[in-house]
Amino acid sequence: MVIRMRHTRAHTGNRRSHHALKAKNPSLCKECGHPRLPHTVCANCGMYRGRKVVDVALKTEKKLKKKSKKSEAAK
């Protein structure tokens, strides 16, 4: 479909006034008090809805092991 009339800047701005992004609203984790986004696992303790979902200590340990292995391969 072809646009027949040109829209003014004001008309375009009025239409786009609802396109703005909303700021994220973090809440505090009930277990550790660390700020986290709603409906996501806490990155600090790995809890979600009162259950342990992610073993954070194991995850960081794996990450450090991988990083050291990568640095050894670079040498």
C-alpha atoms as a PDB file:
ATOM      1  CA  MET A   1       0.000   0.000   0.000  1.00  0.00           C
ATOM      2  CA  VAL A   2       1.298   3.436  -0.929  1.00  0.00           C
ATOM      3  CA  ILE A   3       1.313   6.371   1.494  1.00  0.00           C
ATOM      4  CA  ARG A   4      -0.628   9.183  -0.180  1.00  0.00           C
ATOM      5  CA  MET A   5      -0.123  12.013   2.300  1.00  0.00           C
ATOM      6  CA  ARG A   6       3.033  12.984   4.107  1.00  0.00           C
ATOM      7  CA  HIS A   7       2.914  12.857   7.916  1.00  0.00           C
ATOM      8  CA  THR A   8       4.270  15.868   9.758  1.00  0.00           C
ATOM      9  CA  ARG A   9       6.948  15.434  12.406  1.00  0.00           C
ATOM     10  CA  ALA A  10       4.379  16.124  15.116  1.00  0.00           C
ATOM     11  CA  HIS A  11       2.049  13.410  13.830  1.00  0.00           C
ATOM     12  CA  THR A  12       4.920  10.925  13.647  1.00  0.00           C
ATOM     13  CA  GLY A  13       6.062  11.902  17.163  1.00  0.00           C
ATOM     14  CA  ASN A  14       2.546  11.458  18.552  1.00  0.00           C
ATOM     15  CA  ARG A  15       2.372   7.974  17.073  1.00  0.00           C
ATOM     16  CA  ARG A  16       5.807   7.042  18.418  1.00  0.00           C
ATOM     17  CA  SER A  17       5.139   8.459  21.894  1.00  0.00           C
ATOM     18  CA  HIS A  18       4.153   4.959  23.044  1.00  0.00           C
ATOM     19  CA  HIS A  19       7.312   3.291  21.699  1.00  0.00           C
ATOM     20  CA  ALA A  20       9.530   4.238  24.651  1.00  0.00           C
ATOM     21  CA  LEU A  21      11.111   1.412  26.642  1.00  0.00           C
ATOM     22  CA  LYS A  22      10.136   1.052  30.267  1.00  0.00           C
ATOM     23  CA  ALA A  23      12.805   0.927  32.965  1.00  0.00           C
ATOM     24  CA  LYS A  24      13.518  -2.455  34.555  1.00  0.00           C
ATOM     25  CA  ASN A  25      12.161  -2.759  38.079  1.00  0.00           C
ATOM     26  CA  PRO A  26      14.382  -5.079  40.147  1.00  0.00           C
ATOM     27  CA  SER A  27      13.135  -6.549  43.399  1.00  0.00           C
ATOM     28  CA  LEU A  28      15.150  -7.947  46.286  1.00  0.00           C
ATOM     29  CA  CYS A  29      15.747 -11.686  46.575  1.00  0.00           C
ATOM     30  CA  LYS A  30      13.936 -13.125  49.595  1.00  0.00           C
ATOM     31  CA  GLU A  31      16.843 -15.474  50.378  1.00  0.00           C
ATOM     32  CA  CYS A  32      19.940 -13.284  50.086  1.00  0.00           C
ATOM     33  CA  GLY A  33      18.615  -9.721  49.622  1.00  0.00           C
ATOM     34  CA  HIS A  34      20.481  -9.260  46.338  1.00  0.00           C
ATOM     35  CA  PRO A  35      18.561  -7.259  43.672  1.00  0.00           C
ATOM     36  CA  ARG A  36      17.157  -9.416  40.862  1.00  0.00           C
ATOM     37  CA  LEU A  37      14.665  -9.080  38.017  1.00  0.00           C
ATOM     38  CA  PRO A  38      11.196 -10.549  38.490  1.00  0.00           C
ATOM     39  CA  HIS A  39      10.543 -14.058  37.084  1.00  0.00           C
ATOM     40  CA  THR A  40      14.273 -14.838  36.931  1.00  0.00           C
ATOM     41  CA  VAL A  41      16.681 -16.902  38.999  1.00  0.00           C
ATOM     42  CA  CYS A  42      18.770 -14.923  41.486  1.00  0.00           C
ATOM     43  CA  ALA A  43      22.318 -14.700  40.125  1.00  0.00           C
ATOM     44  CA  ASN A  44      23.757 -14.452  43.647  1.00  0.00           C
ATOM     45  CA  CYS A  45      22.207 -17.492  45.351  1.00  0.00           C
ATOM     46  CA  GLY A  46      20.508 -19.458  42.529  1.00  0.00           C
ATOM     47  CA  MET A  47      17.062 -19.532  44.187  1.00  0.00           C
ATOM     48  CA  TYR A  48      13.739 -19.173  42.353  1.00  0.00           C
ATOM     49  CA  ARG A  49      10.346 -19.246  44.084  1.00  0.00           C
ATOM     50  CA  GLY A  50      11.838 -20.732  47.258  1.00  0.00           C
ATOM     51  CA  ARG A  51      13.704 -23.575  45.523  1.00  0.00           C
ATOM     52  CA  LYS A  52      17.398 -23.983  44.716  1.00  0.00           C
ATOM     53  CA  VAL A  53      17.461 -24.049  40.899  1.00  0.00           C
ATOM     54  CA  VAL A  54      21.081 -23.272  40.022  1.00  0.00           C
ATOM     55  CA  ASP A  55      24.174 -24.308  41.958  1.00  0.00           C
ATOM     56  CA  VAL A  56      26.041 -20.995  41.736  1.00  0.00           C
ATOM     57  CA  ALA A  57      29.203 -22.277  43.444  1.00  0.00           C
ATOM     58  CA  LEU A  58      29.537 -25.124  40.943  1.00  0.00           C
ATOM     59  CA  LYS A  59      28.879 -22.775  38.043  1.00  0.00           C
ATOM     60  CA  THR A  60      31.588 -20.298  39.112  1.00  0.00           C
ATOM     61  CA  GLU A  61      33.998 -23.149  39.755  1.00  0.00           C
ATOM     62  CA  LYS A  62      33.439 -24.481  36.226  1.00  0.00           C
ATOM     63  CA  LYS A  63      33.900 -20.996  34.793  1.00  0.00           C
ATOM     64  CA  LEU A  64      37.224 -20.490  36.607  1.00  0.00           C
ATOM     65  CA  LYS A  65      38.430 -23.942  35.533  1.00  0.00           C
ATOM     66  CA  LYS A  66      37.572 -23.197  31.894  1.00  0.00           C
ATOM     67  CA  LYS A  67      39.263 -19.800  32.094  1.00  0.00           C
ATOM     68  CA  SER A  68      42.484 -21.270  33.532  1.00  0.00           C
ATOM     69  CA  LYS A  69      42.497 -24.025  30.905  1.00  0.00           C
ATOM     70  CA  LYS A  70      42.084 -21.403  28.154  1.00  0.00           C
ATOM     71  CA  SER A  71      44.932 -19.273  29.525  1.00  0.00           C
ATOM     72  CA  GLU A  72      47.216 -22.326  29.712  1.00  0.00           C
ATOM     73  CA  ALA A  73      46.444 -23.177  26.083  1.00  0.00           C
ATOM     74  CA  ALA A  74      47.319 -19.620  25.032  1.00  0.00           C
ATOM     75  CA  LYS A  75      50.785 -19.892  26.582  1.00  0.00           C
END
